[in-house]
PDB file of N, CA and C in Angstrom:
ATOM      1  N   MET A   1      97.780  97.943  83.398  1.00  0.00           N
ATOM      2  CA  MET A   1      97.754  99.469  84.316  1.00  0.00           C
ATOM      3  C   MET A   1      96.175  98.223  85.449  1.00  0.00           C
ATOM      4  N   SER A   2      97.245  99.033  86.727  1.00  0.00           N
ATOM      5  CA  SER A   2      95.763  98.976  87.465  1.00  0.00           C
ATOM      6  C   SER A   2      95.125  99.430  87.770  1.00  0.00           C
ATOM      7  N   ASN A   3      94.140  98.955  89.292  1.00  0.00           N
ATOM      8  CA  ASN A   3      93.260  99.904  89.507  1.00  0.00           C
ATOM      9  C   ASN A   3      93.034 100.281  90.901  1.00  0.00           C
ATOM     10  N   LEU A   4      93.837 101.164  90.657  1.00  0.00           N
ATOM     11  CA  LEU A   4      94.129 101.997  92.258  1.00  0.00           C
ATOM     12  C   LEU A   4      92.932 103.500  92.705  1.00  0.00           C
ATOM     13  N   MET A   5      93.019 103.623  93.841  1.00  0.00           N
ATOM     14  CA  MET A   5      91.485 104.237  94.113  1.00  0.00           C
ATOM     15  C   MET A   5      92.969 105.731  94.580  1.00  0.00           C
ATOM     16  N   VAL A   6      92.864 106.603  94.343  1.00  0.00           N
ATOM     17  CA  VAL A   6      93.883 107.836  93.735  1.00  0.00           C
ATOM     18  C   VAL A   6      93.513 108.224  95.088  1.00  0.00           C
ATOM     19  N   THR A   7      93.190 109.034  96.188  1.00  0.00           N
ATOM     20  CA  THR A   7      93.501 109.917  96.767  1.00  0.00           C
ATOM     21  C   THR A   7      94.121 111.056  97.559  1.00  0.00           C
ATOM     22  N   ALA A   8      94.921 111.017  98.028  1.00  0.00           N
ATOM     23  CA  ALA A   8      96.438 112.398  98.158  1.00  0.00           C
ATOM     24  C   ALA A   8      97.341 112.264  97.694  1.00  0.00           C
ATOM     25  N   GLY A   9      98.220 113.881  97.887  1.00  0.00           N
ATOM     26  CA  GLY A   9      99.176 113.715  97.068  1.00  0.00           C
ATOM     27  C   GLY A   9     100.290 113.816  98.553  1.00  0.00           C
ATOM     28  N   LEU A  10     101.446 113.545  98.383  1.00  0.00           N
ATOM     29  CA  LEU A  10     102.051 113.168  99.178  1.00  0.00           C
ATOM     30  C   LEU A  10     103.316 114.372  98.818  1.00  0.00           C
ATOM     31  N   SER A  11     103.686 115.247 100.428  1.00  0.00           N
ATOM     32  CA  SER A  11     104.511 116.383 100.358  1.00  0.00           C
ATOM     33  C   SER A  11     105.668 116.050  99.574  1.00  0.00           C
ATOM     34  N   ALA A  12     106.870 116.983  98.704  1.00  0.00           N
ATOM     35  CA  ALA A  12     107.879 116.799  98.552  1.00  0.00           C
ATOM     36  C   ALA A  12     108.227 118.752  98.359  1.00  0.00           C
ATOM     37  N   GLN A  13     109.689 118.901  97.475  1.00  0.00           N
ATOM     38  CA  GLN A  13     109.930 120.143  97.948  1.00  0.00           C
ATOM     39  C   GLN A  13     110.379 120.861  96.440  1.00  0.00           C
ATOM     40  N   CYS A  14     109.480 121.985  96.264  1.00  0.00           N
ATOM     41  CA  CYS A  14     109.285 122.570  95.050  1.00  0.00           C
ATOM     42  C   CYS A  14     110.494 123.367  94.930  1.00  0.00           C
ATOM     43  N   PRO A  15     111.631 124.075  94.268  1.00  0.00           N
ATOM     44  CA  PRO A  15     112.333 125.045  94.182  1.00  0.00           C
ATOM     45  C   PRO A  15     111.214 126.655  93.417  1.00  0.00           C
ATOM     46  N   ARG A  16     110.264 126.163  92.867  1.00  0.00           N
ATOM     47  CA  ARG A  16     109.356 127.852  92.221  1.00  0.00           C
ATOM     48  C   ARG A  16     108.789 128.448  93.923  1.00  0.00           C
ATOM     49  N   ALA A  17     109.204 129.514  93.852  1.00  0.00           N
ATOM     50  CA  ALA A  17     108.556 130.151  94.475  1.00  0.00           C
ATOM     51  C   ALA A  17     107.559 131.779  93.978  1.00  0.00           C
ATOM     52  N   LYS A  18     106.315 131.899  94.766  1.00  0.00           N
ATOM     53  CA  LYS A  18     105.622 132.836  94.190  1.00  0.00           C
ATOM     54  C   LYS A  18     105.656 134.014  94.999  1.00  0.00           C
ATOM     55  N   LYS A  19     105.510 135.277  94.758  1.00  0.00           N
ATOM     56  CA  LYS A  19     105.570 136.670  96.149  1.00  0.00           C
ATOM     57  C   LYS A  19     103.400 136.282  96.450  1.00  0.00           C
ATOM     58  N   GLU A  20     104.079 136.455  97.079  1.00  0.00           N
ATOM     59  CA  GLU A  20     102.522 137.083  98.159  1.00  0.00           C
ATOM     60  C   GLU A  20     102.833 138.254  99.343  1.00  0.00           C
ATOM     61  N   ARG A  21     102.066 139.180  98.952  1.00  0.00           N
ATOM     62  CA  ARG A  21     102.351 139.934  99.731  1.00  0.00           C
ATOM     63  C   ARG A  21     103.447 140.559 100.434  1.00  0.00           C
ATOM     64  N   GLY A  22     104.449 140.484  99.992  1.00  0.00           N
ATOM     65  CA  GLY A  22     106.109 141.208 100.061  1.00  0.00           C
ATOM     66  C   GLY A  22     106.952 139.624 100.688  1.00  0.00           C
ATOM     67  N   ARG A  23     105.940 138.554 100.345  1.00  0.00           N
ATOM     68  CA  ARG A  23     106.241 137.190 101.304  1.00  0.00           C
ATOM     69  C   ARG A  23     106.331 136.367 100.121  1.00  0.00           C
ATOM     70  N   ALA A  24     107.945 136.154  99.975  1.00  0.00           N
ATOM     71  CA  ALA A  24     107.534 134.834  99.109  1.00  0.00           C
ATOM     72  C   ALA A  24     107.109 133.217  99.898  1.00  0.00           C
ATOM     73  N   ARG A  25     106.958 132.874  98.976  1.00  0.00           N
ATOM     74  CA  ARG A  25     106.028 131.538  98.944  1.00  0.00           C
ATOM     75  C   ARG A  25     106.704 130.003  98.338  1.00  0.00           C
ATOM     76  N   ARG A  26     106.459 129.044  98.759  1.00  0.00           N
ATOM     77  CA  ARG A  26     106.490 127.383  98.153  1.00  0.00           C
ATOM     78  C   ARG A  26     105.247 127.253  97.193  1.00  0.00           C
ATOM     79  N   VAL A  27     105.012 126.970  95.944  1.00  0.00           N
ATOM     80  CA  VAL A  27     103.818 126.663  95.127  1.00  0.00           C
ATOM     81  C   VAL A  27     104.075 125.409  94.256  1.00  0.00           C
ATOM     82  N   MET A  28     103.865 124.387  94.644  1.00  0.00           N
ATOM     83  CA  MET A  28     103.448 123.465  94.515  1.00  0.00           C
ATOM     84  C   MET A  28     102.783 122.827  93.110  1.00  0.00           C
ATOM     85  N   PRO A  29     103.761 122.883  92.362  1.00  0.00           N
ATOM     86  CA  PRO A  29     102.819 121.849  90.524  1.00  0.00           C
ATOM     87  C   PRO A  29     101.716 120.955  91.148  1.00  0.00           C
ATOM     88  N   LYS A  30     100.984 121.617  90.156  1.00  0.00           N
ATOM     89  CA  LYS A  30      99.486 120.247  91.056  1.00  0.00           C
ATOM     90  C   LYS A  30      98.493 119.711  89.545  1.00  0.00           C
ATOM     91  N   VAL A  31      97.860 118.948  90.135  1.00  0.00           N
ATOM     92  CA  VAL A  31      97.971 117.173  89.372  1.00  0.00           C
ATOM     93  C   VAL A  31      96.899 117.692  88.747  1.00  0.00           C
ATOM     94  N   PHE A  32      95.661 118.717  87.708  1.00  0.00           N
ATOM     95  CA  PHE A  32      94.232 118.625  87.585  1.00  0.00           C
ATOM     96  C   PHE A  32      93.596 117.257  86.738  1.00  0.00           C
ATOM     97  N   THR A  33      93.006 117.111  86.972  1.00  0.00           N
ATOM     98  CA  THR A  33      91.995 116.473  85.318  1.00  0.00           C
ATOM     99  C   THR A  33      90.917 117.135  84.867  1.00  0.00           C
ATOM    100  N   SER A  34      90.052 117.413  84.322  1.00  0.00           N
ATOM    101  CA  SER A  34      89.132 118.706  84.006  1.00  0.00           C
ATOM    102  C   SER A  34      87.853 117.721  83.955  1.00  0.00           C
ATOM    103  N   CYS A  35      86.800 118.592  84.332  1.00  0.00           N
ATOM    104  CA  CYS A  35      85.194 117.786  84.711  1.00  0.00           C
ATOM    105  C   CYS A  35      84.103 117.390  83.070  1.00  0.00           C
ATOM    106  N   LEU A  36      84.230 115.958  82.496  1.00  0.00           N
ATOM    107  CA  LEU A  36      83.775 115.976  81.499  1.00  0.00           C
ATOM    108  C   LEU A  36      82.580 117.015  81.078  1.00  0.00           C
ATOM    109  N   VAL A  37      81.863 117.382  82.097  1.00  0.00           N
ATOM    110  CA  VAL A  37      80.303 118.103  81.457  1.00  0.00           C
ATOM    111  C   VAL A  37      80.800 119.583  81.468  1.00  0.00           C
ATOM    112  N   THR A  38      81.482 120.004  82.227  1.00  0.00           N
ATOM    113  CA  THR A  38      81.442 122.241  82.256  1.00  0.00           C
ATOM    114  C   THR A  38      82.932 121.975  81.624  1.00  0.00           C
ATOM    115  N   GLY A  39      84.050 120.480  80.846  1.00  0.00           N
ATOM    116  CA  GLY A  39      85.774 121.074  80.696  1.00  0.00           C
ATOM    117  C   GLY A  39      87.030 121.631  82.275  1.00  0.00           C
ATOM    118  N   GLN A  40      86.238 122.695  83.164  1.00  0.00           N
ATOM    119  CA  GLN A  40      86.762 122.687  84.823  1.00  0.00           C
ATOM    120  C   GLN A  40      87.106 121.632  84.340  1.00  0.00           C
ATOM    121  N   PRO A  41      88.704 122.826  85.104  1.00  0.00           N
ATOM    122  CA  PRO A  41      89.603 122.148  86.021  1.00  0.00           C
ATOM    123  C   PRO A  41      89.429 121.597  87.644  1.00  0.00           C
ATOM    124  N   ILE A  42      90.288 119.820  87.353  1.00  0.00           N
ATOM    125  CA  ILE A  42      89.255 119.322  89.547  1.00  0.00           C
ATOM    126  C   ILE A  42      91.106 119.154  89.629  1.00  0.00           C
ATOM    127  N   ASP A  43      91.261 120.497  90.597  1.00  0.00           N
ATOM    128  CA  ASP A  43      92.031 119.802  92.308  1.00  0.00           C
ATOM    129  C   ASP A  43      92.040 117.972  92.318  1.00  0.00           C
ATOM    130  N   THR A  44      92.641 117.638  91.688  1.00  0.00           N
ATOM    131  CA  THR A  44      92.845 116.079  92.095  1.00  0.00           C
ATOM    132  C   THR A  44      93.724 115.827  93.346  1.00  0.00           C
ATOM    133  N   GLY A  45      94.303 116.711  94.175  1.00  0.00           N
ATOM    134  CA  GLY A  45      94.526 116.406  95.422  1.00  0.00           C
ATOM    135  C   GLY A  45      96.216 116.288  95.617  1.00  0.00           C
ATOM    136  N   ILE A  46      96.694 115.794  94.269  1.00  0.00           N
ATOM    137  CA  ILE A  46      97.905 115.130  94.195  1.00  0.00           C
ATOM    138  C   ILE A  46      98.983 116.242  93.689  1.00  0.00           C
ATOM    139  N   ASP A  47     100.051 116.278  94.186  1.00  0.00           N
ATOM    140  CA  ASP A  47     101.407 117.233  93.962  1.00  0.00           C
ATOM    141  C   ASP A  47     102.214 116.915  92.693  1.00  0.00           C
ATOM    142  N   ASP A  48     102.592 117.436  91.964  1.00  0.00           N
ATOM    143  CA  ASP A  48     103.787 117.094  90.387  1.00  0.00           C
ATOM    144  C   ASP A  48     105.253 115.442  91.434  1.00  0.00           C
ATOM    145  N   GLY A  49     105.571 116.206  91.994  1.00  0.00           N
ATOM    146  CA  GLY A  49     106.657 114.612  93.142  1.00  0.00           C
ATOM    147  C   GLY A  49     105.667 113.597  92.776  1.00  0.00           C
ATOM    148  N   SER A  50     104.942 113.358  93.305  1.00  0.00           N
ATOM    149  CA  SER A  50     103.912 112.251  93.614  1.00  0.00           C
ATOM    150  C   SER A  50     103.365 111.922  92.858  1.00  0.00           C
ATOM    151  N   PHE A  51     102.974 112.510  91.313  1.00  0.00           N
ATOM    152  CA  PHE A  51     102.528 112.409  90.471  1.00  0.00           C
ATOM    153  C   PHE A  51     103.757 111.409  89.882  1.00  0.00           C
ATOM    154  N   ALA A  52     104.369 111.657  89.128  1.00  0.00           N
ATOM    155  CA  ALA A  52     105.510 110.777  88.526  1.00  0.00           C
ATOM    156  C   ALA A  52     105.898 109.978  89.362  1.00  0.00           C
ATOM    157  N   ARG A  53     105.479 109.451  90.238  1.00  0.00           N
ATOM    158  CA  ARG A  53     105.922 108.221  91.012  1.00  0.00           C
ATOM    159  C   ARG A  53     104.877 106.567  91.086  1.00  0.00           C
ATOM    160  N   LEU A  54     103.304 107.778  90.352  1.00  0.00           N
ATOM    161  CA  LEU A  54     102.452 106.705  90.662  1.00  0.00           C
ATOM    162  C   LEU A  54     103.011 105.815  89.645  1.00  0.00           C
ATOM    163  N   PRO A  55     102.115 104.817  89.591  1.00  0.00           N
ATOM    164  CA  PRO A  55     101.961 103.896  88.167  1.00  0.00           C
ATOM    165  C   PRO A  55     101.096 104.001  87.794  1.00  0.00           C
ATOM    166  N   ASP A  56     100.975 103.800  86.745  1.00  0.00           N
ATOM    167  CA  ASP A  56      99.202 103.723  85.624  1.00  0.00           C
ATOM    168  C   ASP A  56      98.267 103.683  86.645  1.00  0.00           C
ATOM    169  N   PHE A  57      96.777 104.210  85.994  1.00  0.00           N
ATOM    170  CA  PHE A  57      95.783 103.569  87.340  1.00  0.00           C
ATOM    171  C   PHE A  57      94.673 103.978  86.484  1.00  0.00           C
ATOM    172  N   VAL A  58      94.052 104.095  87.284  1.00  0.00           N
ATOM    173  CA  VAL A  58      92.378 104.027  86.518  1.00  0.00           C
ATOM    174  C   VAL A  58      90.825 104.552  88.337  1.00  0.00           C
ATOM    175  N   GLY A  59      91.167 105.878  88.394  1.00  0.00           N
ATOM    176  CA  GLY A  59      90.805 106.197  89.396  1.00  0.00           C
ATOM    177  C   GLY A  59      89.198 106.872  89.490  1.00  0.00           C
ATOM    178  N   LYS A  60      88.792 107.761  90.709  1.00  0.00           N
ATOM    179  CA  LYS A  60      87.481 107.870  89.950  1.00  0.00           C
ATOM    180  C   LYS A  60      87.709 109.386  91.420  1.00  0.00           C
ATOM    181  N   ILE A  61      86.773 110.345  90.764  1.00  0.00           N
ATOM    182  CA  ILE A  61      87.080 112.027  91.764  1.00  0.00           C
ATOM    183  C   ILE A  61      86.158 112.438  91.778  1.00  0.00           C
ATOM    184  N   PHE A  62      85.748 112.497  92.255  1.00  0.00           N
ATOM    185  CA  PHE A  62      84.186 113.866  92.641  1.00  0.00           C
ATOM    186  C   PHE A  62      84.640 114.786  92.201  1.00  0.00           C
ATOM    187  N   CYS A  63      83.539 115.700  91.342  1.00  0.00           N
ATOM    188  CA  CYS A  63      83.972 117.073  90.183  1.00  0.00           C
ATOM    189  C   CYS A  63      83.392 118.051  91.528  1.00  0.00           C
ATOM    190  N   PRO A  64      83.076 118.819  91.860  1.00  0.00           N
ATOM    191  CA  PRO A  64      83.081 120.288  92.811  1.00  0.00           C
ATOM    192  C   PRO A  64      82.194 120.960  91.276  1.00  0.00           C
ATOM    193  N   HIS A  65      82.396 121.166  90.637  1.00  0.00           N
ATOM    194  CA  HIS A  65      81.504 121.993  88.778  1.00  0.00           C
ATOM    195  C   HIS A  65      80.404 120.985  88.764  1.00  0.00           C
ATOM    196  N   CYS A  66      79.981 120.139  88.594  1.00  0.00           N
ATOM    197  CA  CYS A  66      78.921 119.239  88.700  1.00  0.00           C
ATOM    198  C   CYS A  66      78.458 118.037  89.243  1.00  0.00           C
ATOM    199  N   GLY A  67      79.161 118.227  90.549  1.00  0.00           N
ATOM    200  CA  GLY A  67      79.261 117.175  90.758  1.00  0.00           C
ATOM    201  C   GLY A  67      78.728 115.650  91.052  1.00  0.00           C
ATOM    202  N   THR A  68      79.057 115.500  90.300  1.00  0.00           N
ATOM    203  CA  THR A  68      79.810 113.501  90.124  1.00  0.00           C
ATOM    204  C   THR A  68      80.714 113.415  90.032  1.00  0.00           C
ATOM    205  N   GLU A  69      81.010 112.212  90.272  1.00  0.00           N
ATOM    206  CA  GLU A  69      82.153 111.626  90.227  1.00  0.00           C
ATOM    207  C   GLU A  69      82.532 110.828  88.676  1.00  0.00           C
ATOM    208  N   HIS A  70      83.817 111.413  88.186  1.00  0.00           N
ATOM    209  CA  HIS A  70      84.504 111.464  87.216  1.00  0.00           C
ATOM    210  C   HIS A  70      85.447 110.204  87.462  1.00  0.00           C
ATOM    211  N   ASP A  71      85.919 108.777  86.463  1.00  0.00           N
ATOM    212  CA  ASP A  71      87.221 108.598  85.999  1.00  0.00           C
ATOM    213  C   ASP A  71      88.059 109.379  85.783  1.00  0.00           C
ATOM    214  N   TRP A  72      89.008 109.416  86.154  1.00  0.00           N
ATOM    215  CA  TRP A  72      90.548 109.775  86.058  1.00  0.00           C
ATOM    216  C   TRP A  72      91.726 109.272  85.371  1.00  0.00           C
ATOM    217  N   SER A  73      92.542 109.187  85.302  1.00  0.00           N
ATOM    218  CA  SER A  73      94.088 108.232  85.237  1.00  0.00           C
ATOM    219  C   SER A  73      94.866 109.274  84.481  1.00  0.00           C
ATOM    220  N   LYS A  74      96.381 108.672  84.365  1.00  0.00           N
ATOM    221  CA  LYS A  74      97.233 109.597  84.652  1.00  0.00           C
ATOM    222  C   LYS A  74      97.975 110.000  83.363  1.00  0.00           C
ATOM    223  N   ASP A  75      97.304 109.529  82.020  1.00  0.00           N
ATOM    224  CA  ASP A  75      97.008 109.832  80.506  1.00  0.00           C
ATOM    225  C   ASP A  75      95.649 111.106  80.721  1.00  0.00           C
ATOM    226  N   LYS A  76      94.827 111.370  81.397  1.00  0.00           N
ATOM    227  CA  LYS A  76      93.766 112.398  81.443  1.00  0.00           C
ATOM    228  C   LYS A  76      94.046 113.696  82.054  1.00  0.00           C
ATOM    229  N   ALA A  77      94.990 113.214  83.093  1.00  0.00           N
ATOM    230  CA  ALA A  77      95.318 114.282  84.096  1.00  0.00           C
ATOM    231  C   ALA A  77      96.644 115.550  83.288  1.00  0.00           C
ATOM    232  N   ARG A  78      97.258 116.997  83.771  1.00  0.00           N
ATOM    233  CA  ARG A  78      97.961 117.850  83.314  1.00  0.00           C
ATOM    234  C   ARG A  78      98.464 118.331  84.451  1.00  0.00           C
ATOM    235  N   VAL A  79     100.281 118.594  84.924  1.00  0.00           N
ATOM    236  CA  VAL A  79      99.843 119.709  85.871  1.00  0.00           C
ATOM    237  C   VAL A  79      99.971 120.557  85.234  1.00  0.00           C
ATOM    238  N   MET A  80     100.536 121.658  86.874  1.00  0.00           N
ATOM    239  CA  MET A  80     100.342 122.672  86.835  1.00  0.00           C
ATOM    240  C   MET A  80     100.266 123.742  87.566  1.00  0.00           C
ATOM    241  N   ASP A  81     101.125 124.588  87.622  1.00  0.00           N
ATOM    242  CA  ASP A  81     101.759 125.929  88.924  1.00  0.00           C
ATOM    243  C   ASP A  81     100.977 126.215  89.513  1.00  0.00           C
ATOM    244  N   GLY A  82     100.272 125.318  91.306  1.00  0.00           N
ATOM    245  CA  GLY A  82      99.665 126.197  91.971  1.00  0.00           C
ATOM    246  C   GLY A  82      98.360 126.191  91.573  1.00  0.00           C
ATOM    247  N   GLU A  83      98.042 127.395  91.898  1.00  0.00           N
ATOM    248  CA  GLU A  83      95.845 126.649  91.462  1.00  0.00           C
ATOM    249  C   GLU A  83      95.648 126.366  90.075  1.00  0.00           C
ATOM    250  N   ALA A  84      94.438 126.136  90.439  1.00  0.00           N
ATOM    251  CA  ALA A  84      93.664 126.224  88.697  1.00  0.00           C
ATOM    252  C   ALA A  84      93.141 127.548  88.441  1.00  0.00           C
ATOM    253  N   PRO A  85      93.407 127.745  86.848  1.00  0.00           N
ATOM    254  CA  PRO A  85      93.263 128.570  86.305  1.00  0.00           C
ATOM    255  C   PRO A  85      91.836 129.287  86.778  1.00  0.00           C
ATOM    256  N   LYS A  86      91.164 131.070  87.068  1.00  0.00           N
ATOM    257  CA  LYS A  86      90.250 131.748  87.286  1.00  0.00           C
ATOM    258  C   LYS A  86      89.847 131.182  86.018  1.00  0.00           C
ATOM    259  N   SER A  87      88.178 130.976  86.093  1.00  0.00           N
ATOM    260  CA  SER A  87      87.624 130.945  84.422  1.00  0.00           C
ATOM    261  C   SER A  87      86.004 132.185  84.712  1.00  0.00           C
TER     262      SER A  87
END
């Protein structure tokens, strides 16, 4: 497993579309990990297409929910359509 710092995703086309104000817009599935303190999802900034191509890694991500940095990896992340669920 490499010790890769993951900071941003690459763009890719997504066939999914979401209706917004009468217009369709593309919604790219995004990769989220969870805050270890609150359990809230953290957007990694990586899209589904980029995530599949990444090697195994352990990275660090700043958490906007608790204000600390968390370790995360591919096995701790999940892909969700569009934005994180509202809580």
